[in-house]
């Protein structure tokens, strides 16, 4: 079991796409069991997820970061985002995905990824960022604990299933000055 702070965060590269896809699948199957239809989770494809990661990694509008532990190359978490995809008044940036492998959750990796992402968005001139989470997902408290302000709820369709999502927002400078950002480099 890795120690609490023995992780590194770096900019993702195309070689990370498959590892990011593996983390994506594992986190969805763990976090969204009982929320997303079981068949949908079972049918999720590593190849499709890897292609999605490659699209983000190959587009300079988007930022992706990965977390590794104990000096190893194995990706245990990632964050991806960029310009907002669905307009939410006053917000210009969006954290599209923040996933940490279930075995490595609760060690500060998610916070570290989020802070690194926010710093890069700030450097690119973004002022406010937001993120969506399944409304039924109890782990959305992660965003609330990081002072995410409730913005709105909406509906999405995942395959044939209608699901509710909740959005949270942050003023990027305020987020970077908050207590959760202390000690994250």
C-alpha atoms as a PDB file:
ATOM      1  CA  UNK A   1       0.000   0.000   0.000  1.00  0.00           C
ATOM      2  CA  UNK A   2       1.527   3.363  -1.017  1.00  0.00           C
ATOM      3  CA  UNK A   3       2.215   6.043   1.533  1.00  0.00           C
ATOM      4  CA  UNK A   4      -0.095   9.053   1.744  1.00  0.00           C
ATOM      5  CA  UNK A   5       2.016  11.571  -0.237  1.00  0.00           C
ATOM      6  CA  UNK A   6       4.212   9.317  -2.367  1.00  0.00           C
ATOM      7  CA  UNK A   7       2.782  10.446  -5.695  1.00  0.00           C
ATOM      8  CA  UNK A   8       3.833  12.607  -8.609  1.00  0.00           C
ATOM      9  CA  UNK A   9       1.688  14.554 -11.041  1.00  0.00           C
ATOM     10  CA  UNK A  10       2.839  15.337 -14.553  1.00  0.00           C
ATOM     11  CA  UNK A  11       1.380  16.399 -17.880  1.00  0.00           C
ATOM     12  CA  UNK A  12      -0.072  13.377 -19.666  1.00  0.00           C
ATOM     13  CA  UNK A  13       1.309  12.241 -23.013  1.00  0.00           C
ATOM     14  CA  UNK A  14      -0.010   9.922 -25.722  1.00  0.00           C
ATOM     15  CA  UNK A  15       1.803   6.970 -24.118  1.00  0.00           C
ATOM     16  CA  UNK A  16      -0.514   7.384 -21.096  1.00  0.00           C
ATOM     17  CA  UNK A  17      -3.766   6.905 -23.039  1.00  0.00           C
ATOM     18  CA  UNK A  18      -4.182   3.193 -22.325  1.00  0.00           C
ATOM     19  CA  UNK A  19      -3.345   3.560 -18.618  1.00  0.00           C
ATOM     20  CA  UNK A  20      -5.778   6.471 -18.352  1.00  0.00           C
ATOM     21  CA  UNK A  21      -8.441   4.319 -20.029  1.00  0.00           C
ATOM     22  CA  UNK A  22      -7.848   1.529 -17.511  1.00  0.00           C
ATOM     23  CA  UNK A  23      -8.253   3.966 -14.603  1.00  0.00           C
ATOM     24  CA  UNK A  24     -11.382   5.384 -16.254  1.00  0.00           C
ATOM     25  CA  UNK A  25     -12.993   1.938 -16.507  1.00  0.00           C
ATOM     26  CA  UNK A  26     -12.053   0.886 -12.969  1.00  0.00           C
ATOM     27  CA  UNK A  27     -13.346   4.088 -11.409  1.00  0.00           C
ATOM     28  CA  UNK A  28     -16.621   4.001 -13.330  1.00  0.00           C
ATOM     29  CA  UNK A  29     -17.251   0.368 -12.377  1.00  0.00           C
ATOM     30  CA  UNK A  30     -16.496   1.100  -8.734  1.00  0.00           C
ATOM     31  CA  UNK A  31     -18.032   4.550  -8.240  1.00  0.00           C
ATOM     32  CA  UNK A  32     -21.099   4.241 -10.440  1.00  0.00           C
ATOM     33  CA  UNK A  33     -22.304   0.738  -9.567  1.00  0.00           C
ATOM     34  CA  UNK A  34     -25.959   1.142  -8.627  1.00  0.00           C
ATOM     35  CA  UNK A  35     -26.136   4.491 -10.446  1.00  0.00           C
ATOM     36  CA  UNK A  36     -25.257   3.598 -14.033  1.00  0.00           C
ATOM     37  CA  UNK A  37     -26.956   0.517 -15.466  1.00  0.00           C
ATOM     38  CA  UNK A  38     -24.966  -2.653 -14.751  1.00  0.00           C
ATOM     39  CA  UNK A  39     -24.986  -3.716 -18.401  1.00  0.00           C
ATOM     40  CA  UNK A  40     -23.588  -0.337 -19.471  1.00  0.00           C
ATOM     41  CA  UNK A  41     -20.735  -0.682 -16.975  1.00  0.00           C
ATOM     42  CA  UNK A  42     -20.065  -4.258 -18.076  1.00  0.00           C
ATOM     43  CA  UNK A  43     -19.991  -3.290 -21.753  1.00  0.00           C
ATOM     44  CA  UNK A  44     -17.615  -0.346 -21.368  1.00  0.00           C
ATOM     45  CA  UNK A  45     -14.768  -0.819 -23.795  1.00  0.00           C
ATOM     46  CA  UNK A  46     -11.104  -0.285 -23.037  1.00  0.00           C
ATOM     47  CA  UNK A  47     -10.523   0.494 -26.710  1.00  0.00           C
ATOM     48  CA  UNK A  48     -13.259   3.168 -26.814  1.00  0.00           C
ATOM     49  CA  UNK A  49     -11.987   4.742 -23.620  1.00  0.00           C
ATOM     50  CA  UNK A  50      -8.423   4.718 -24.926  1.00  0.00           C
ATOM     51  CA  UNK A  51      -9.557   6.404 -28.172  1.00  0.00           C
ATOM     52  CA  UNK A  52     -11.338   9.099 -26.135  1.00  0.00           C
ATOM     53  CA  UNK A  53      -8.187   9.713 -24.080  1.00  0.00           C
ATOM     54  CA  UNK A  54      -6.124   9.953 -27.275  1.00  0.00           C
ATOM     55  CA  UNK A  55      -8.549  12.546 -28.710  1.00  0.00           C
ATOM     56  CA  UNK A  56      -8.114  14.723 -25.631  1.00  0.00           C
ATOM     57  CA  UNK A  57      -4.346  14.212 -25.557  1.00  0.00           C
ATOM     58  CA  UNK A  58      -4.057  15.092 -29.239  1.00  0.00           C
ATOM     59  CA  UNK A  59      -5.967  18.371 -28.992  1.00  0.00           C
ATOM     60  CA  UNK A  60      -4.046  21.372 -27.672  1.00  0.00           C
ATOM     61  CA  UNK A  61      -7.240  22.976 -26.316  1.00  0.00           C
ATOM     62  CA  UNK A  62      -7.334  20.337 -23.593  1.00  0.00           C
ATOM     63  CA  UNK A  63      -5.162  19.684 -20.565  1.00  0.00           C
ATOM     64  CA  UNK A  64      -4.568  16.237 -19.104  1.00  0.00           C
ATOM     65  CA  UNK A  65      -2.496  15.320 -16.068  1.00  0.00           C
ATOM     66  CA  UNK A  66      -1.684  11.921 -14.625  1.00  0.00           C
ATOM     67  CA  UNK A  67      -0.687  10.776 -11.161  1.00  0.00           C
ATOM     68  CA  UNK A  68       1.857   8.049 -10.548  1.00  0.00           C
ATOM     69  CA  UNK A  69       3.003   6.586  -7.238  1.00  0.00           C
ATOM     70  CA  UNK A  70       6.329   5.725  -5.665  1.00  0.00           C
ATOM     71  CA  UNK A  71       8.359   6.801  -8.692  1.00  0.00           C
ATOM     72  CA  UNK A  72       6.691   4.220 -10.929  1.00  0.00           C
ATOM     73  CA  UNK A  73       5.250   4.852 -14.389  1.00  0.00           C
ATOM     74  CA  UNK A  74       1.876   3.258 -13.623  1.00  0.00           C
ATOM     75  CA  UNK A  75      -0.923   5.811 -13.876  1.00  0.00           C
ATOM     76  CA  UNK A  76      -3.240   5.701 -10.836  1.00  0.00           C
ATOM     77  CA  UNK A  77      -5.299   8.806 -11.587  1.00  0.00           C
ATOM     78  CA  UNK A  78      -5.883  11.531 -14.134  1.00  0.00           C
ATOM     79  CA  UNK A  79      -7.597  14.857 -14.704  1.00  0.00           C
ATOM     80  CA  UNK A  80      -8.703  16.194 -18.084  1.00  0.00           C
ATOM     81  CA  UNK A  81     -10.414  19.411 -19.049  1.00  0.00           C
ATOM     82  CA  UNK A  82     -10.346  22.608 -21.016  1.00  0.00           C
ATOM     83  CA  UNK A  83     -12.788  25.172 -22.372  1.00  0.00           C
ATOM     84  CA  UNK A  84     -16.336  24.656 -21.117  1.00  0.00           C
ATOM     85  CA  UNK A  85     -18.395  22.311 -23.328  1.00  0.00           C
ATOM     86  CA  UNK A  86     -21.961  23.177 -22.242  1.00  0.00           C
ATOM     87  CA  UNK A  87     -22.467  26.849 -21.407  1.00  0.00           C
ATOM     88  CA  UNK A  88     -22.922  27.662 -17.731  1.00  0.00           C
ATOM     89  CA  UNK A  89     -23.209  31.428 -17.209  1.00  0.00           C
ATOM     90  CA  UNK A  90     -19.950  33.011 -16.077  1.00  0.00           C
ATOM     91  CA  UNK A  91     -17.778  29.876 -16.419  1.00  0.00           C
ATOM     92  CA  UNK A  92     -15.125  29.461 -19.082  1.00  0.00           C
ATOM     93  CA  UNK A  93     -13.306  26.285 -18.036  1.00  0.00           C
ATOM     94  CA  UNK A  94     -14.378  22.742 -17.230  1.00  0.00           C
ATOM     95  CA  UNK A  95     -12.839  19.781 -15.486  1.00  0.00           C
ATOM     96  CA  UNK A  96     -14.222  17.010 -17.719  1.00  0.00           C
ATOM     97  CA  UNK A  97     -12.845  14.036 -15.833  1.00  0.00           C
ATOM     98  CA  UNK A  98     -11.157  13.439 -12.498  1.00  0.00           C
ATOM     99  CA  UNK A  99     -10.555   9.776 -11.785  1.00  0.00           C
ATOM    100  CA  UNK A 100      -8.384   8.055  -9.193  1.00  0.00           C
ATOM    101  CA  UNK A 101      -8.125   4.269  -9.141  1.00  0.00           C
ATOM    102  CA  UNK A 102     -10.155   2.943  -6.182  1.00  0.00           C
ATOM    103  CA  UNK A 103      -7.047   1.458  -4.521  1.00  0.00           C
ATOM    104  CA  UNK A 104      -5.455   4.914  -4.369  1.00  0.00           C
ATOM    105  CA  UNK A 105      -8.389   7.076  -3.310  1.00  0.00           C
ATOM    106  CA  UNK A 106      -8.221   9.019  -0.043  1.00  0.00           C
ATOM    107  CA  UNK A 107      -4.507   9.825  -0.379  1.00  0.00           C
ATOM    108  CA  UNK A 108      -4.735  13.373  -1.738  1.00  0.00           C
ATOM    109  CA  UNK A 109      -4.184  12.336  -5.353  1.00  0.00           C
ATOM    110  CA  UNK A 110      -7.534  13.687  -6.576  1.00  0.00           C
ATOM    111  CA  UNK A 111      -6.931  17.004  -4.850  1.00  0.00           C
ATOM    112  CA  UNK A 112      -3.406  17.176  -6.255  1.00  0.00           C
ATOM    113  CA  UNK A 113      -4.690  16.534  -9.774  1.00  0.00           C
ATOM    114  CA  UNK A 114      -7.424  19.127  -9.403  1.00  0.00           C
ATOM    115  CA  UNK A 115      -5.006  21.764  -8.105  1.00  0.00           C
ATOM    116  CA  UNK A 116      -2.511  21.069 -10.910  1.00  0.00           C
ATOM    117  CA  UNK A 117      -5.313  21.315 -13.466  1.00  0.00           C
ATOM    118  CA  UNK A 118      -6.588  24.603 -11.953  1.00  0.00           C
ATOM    119  CA  UNK A 119      -3.065  26.101 -11.975  1.00  0.00           C
ATOM    120  CA  UNK A 120      -2.687  25.300 -15.651  1.00  0.00           C
ATOM    121  CA  UNK A 121      -6.111  26.722 -16.437  1.00  0.00           C
ATOM    122  CA  UNK A 122      -5.140  29.879 -14.537  1.00  0.00           C
ATOM    123  CA  UNK A 123      -1.913  30.117 -16.562  1.00  0.00           C
ATOM    124  CA  UNK A 124      -3.989  29.880 -19.748  1.00  0.00           C
ATOM    125  CA  UNK A 125      -6.148  32.798 -18.627  1.00  0.00           C
ATOM    126  CA  UNK A 126      -9.270  30.953 -17.490  1.00  0.00           C
ATOM    127  CA  UNK A 127     -11.078  32.663 -14.600  1.00  0.00           C
ATOM    128  CA  UNK A 128     -13.729  30.185 -13.470  1.00  0.00           C
ATOM    129  CA  UNK A 129     -13.988  26.430 -13.807  1.00  0.00           C
ATOM    130  CA  UNK A 130     -16.753  23.933 -13.204  1.00  0.00           C
ATOM    131  CA  UNK A 131     -17.241  20.178 -13.042  1.00  0.00           C
ATOM    132  CA  UNK A 132     -20.205  17.832 -13.393  1.00  0.00           C
ATOM    133  CA  UNK A 133     -20.934  14.834 -11.147  1.00  0.00           C
ATOM    134  CA  UNK A 134     -23.722  12.277 -11.133  1.00  0.00           C
ATOM    135  CA  UNK A 135     -26.290  13.634  -8.671  1.00  0.00           C
ATOM    136  CA  UNK A 136     -26.727  10.204  -7.062  1.00  0.00           C
ATOM    137  CA  UNK A 137     -22.992   9.723  -6.569  1.00  0.00           C
ATOM    138  CA  UNK A 138     -22.121  10.199  -2.882  1.00  0.00           C
ATOM    139  CA  UNK A 139     -18.511  10.914  -3.931  1.00  0.00           C
ATOM    140  CA  UNK A 140     -19.635  14.286  -5.325  1.00  0.00           C
ATOM    141  CA  UNK A 141     -18.975  15.512  -1.778  1.00  0.00           C
ATOM    142  CA  UNK A 142     -15.331  15.609  -2.980  1.00  0.00           C
ATOM    143  CA  UNK A 143     -16.189  18.797  -4.888  1.00  0.00           C
ATOM    144  CA  UNK A 144     -18.217  20.213  -2.018  1.00  0.00           C
ATOM    145  CA  UNK A 145     -15.302  19.729   0.391  1.00  0.00           C
ATOM    146  CA  UNK A 146     -13.129  21.673  -2.027  1.00  0.00           C
ATOM    147  CA  UNK A 147     -15.536  24.619  -1.773  1.00  0.00           C
ATOM    148  CA  UNK A 148     -17.319  23.895  -5.036  1.00  0.00           C
ATOM    149  CA  UNK A 149     -20.406  26.068  -5.315  1.00  0.00           C
ATOM    150  CA  UNK A 150     -23.581  24.364  -6.537  1.00  0.00           C
ATOM    151  CA  UNK A 151     -24.409  25.740  -9.989  1.00  0.00           C
ATOM    152  CA  UNK A 152     -27.198  23.712 -11.557  1.00  0.00           C
ATOM    153  CA  UNK A 153     -28.625  20.281 -12.228  1.00  0.00           C
ATOM    154  CA  UNK A 154     -29.237  18.790 -15.618  1.00  0.00           C
ATOM    155  CA  UNK A 155     -30.121  15.496 -17.274  1.00  0.00           C
ATOM    156  CA  UNK A 156     -27.874  13.383 -19.467  1.00  0.00           C
ATOM    157  CA  UNK A 157     -28.342  10.088 -21.243  1.00  0.00           C
ATOM    158  CA  UNK A 158     -25.751   7.342 -20.846  1.00  0.00           C
ATOM    159  CA  UNK A 159     -26.626   4.786 -23.487  1.00  0.00           C
ATOM    160  CA  UNK A 160     -30.401   4.477 -22.880  1.00  0.00           C
ATOM    161  CA  UNK A 161     -30.389   5.541 -19.236  1.00  0.00           C
ATOM    162  CA  UNK A 162     -31.467   9.021 -18.151  1.00  0.00           C
ATOM    163  CA  UNK A 163     -29.363  10.324 -15.265  1.00  0.00           C
ATOM    164  CA  UNK A 164     -29.219  13.561 -13.278  1.00  0.00           C
ATOM    165  CA  UNK A 165     -25.966  15.471 -12.999  1.00  0.00           C
ATOM    166  CA  UNK A 166     -24.989  18.295 -10.657  1.00  0.00           C
ATOM    167  CA  UNK A 167     -22.457  20.972 -11.497  1.00  0.00           C
ATOM    168  CA  UNK A 168     -20.066  22.722  -9.121  1.00  0.00           C
ATOM    169  CA  UNK A 169     -18.021  25.824  -9.792  1.00  0.00           C
ATOM    170  CA  UNK A 170     -14.928  27.632  -8.553  1.00  0.00           C
ATOM    171  CA  UNK A 171     -13.286  30.986  -9.049  1.00  0.00           C
ATOM    172  CA  UNK A 172      -9.866  29.661 -10.055  1.00  0.00           C
ATOM    173  CA  UNK A 173      -7.775  32.189  -8.054  1.00  0.00           C
ATOM    174  CA  UNK A 174      -9.884  31.565  -4.933  1.00  0.00           C
ATOM    175  CA  UNK A 175      -9.610  27.797  -5.395  1.00  0.00           C
ATOM    176  CA  UNK A 176      -5.815  28.058  -5.697  1.00  0.00           C
ATOM    177  CA  UNK A 177      -5.631  30.091  -2.487  1.00  0.00           C
ATOM    178  CA  UNK A 178      -7.895  27.722  -0.543  1.00  0.00           C
ATOM    179  CA  UNK A 179      -6.745  25.316   2.179  1.00  0.00           C
ATOM    180  CA  UNK A 180      -7.037  22.276  -0.109  1.00  0.00           C
ATOM    181  CA  UNK A 181      -4.358  23.768  -2.397  1.00  0.00           C
ATOM    182  CA  UNK A 182      -1.791  24.123   0.388  1.00  0.00           C
ATOM    183  CA  UNK A 183       1.021  21.644  -0.007  1.00  0.00           C
ATOM    184  CA  UNK A 184       0.054  20.736  -3.578  1.00  0.00           C
ATOM    185  CA  UNK A 185       2.825  21.593  -5.968  1.00  0.00           C
END
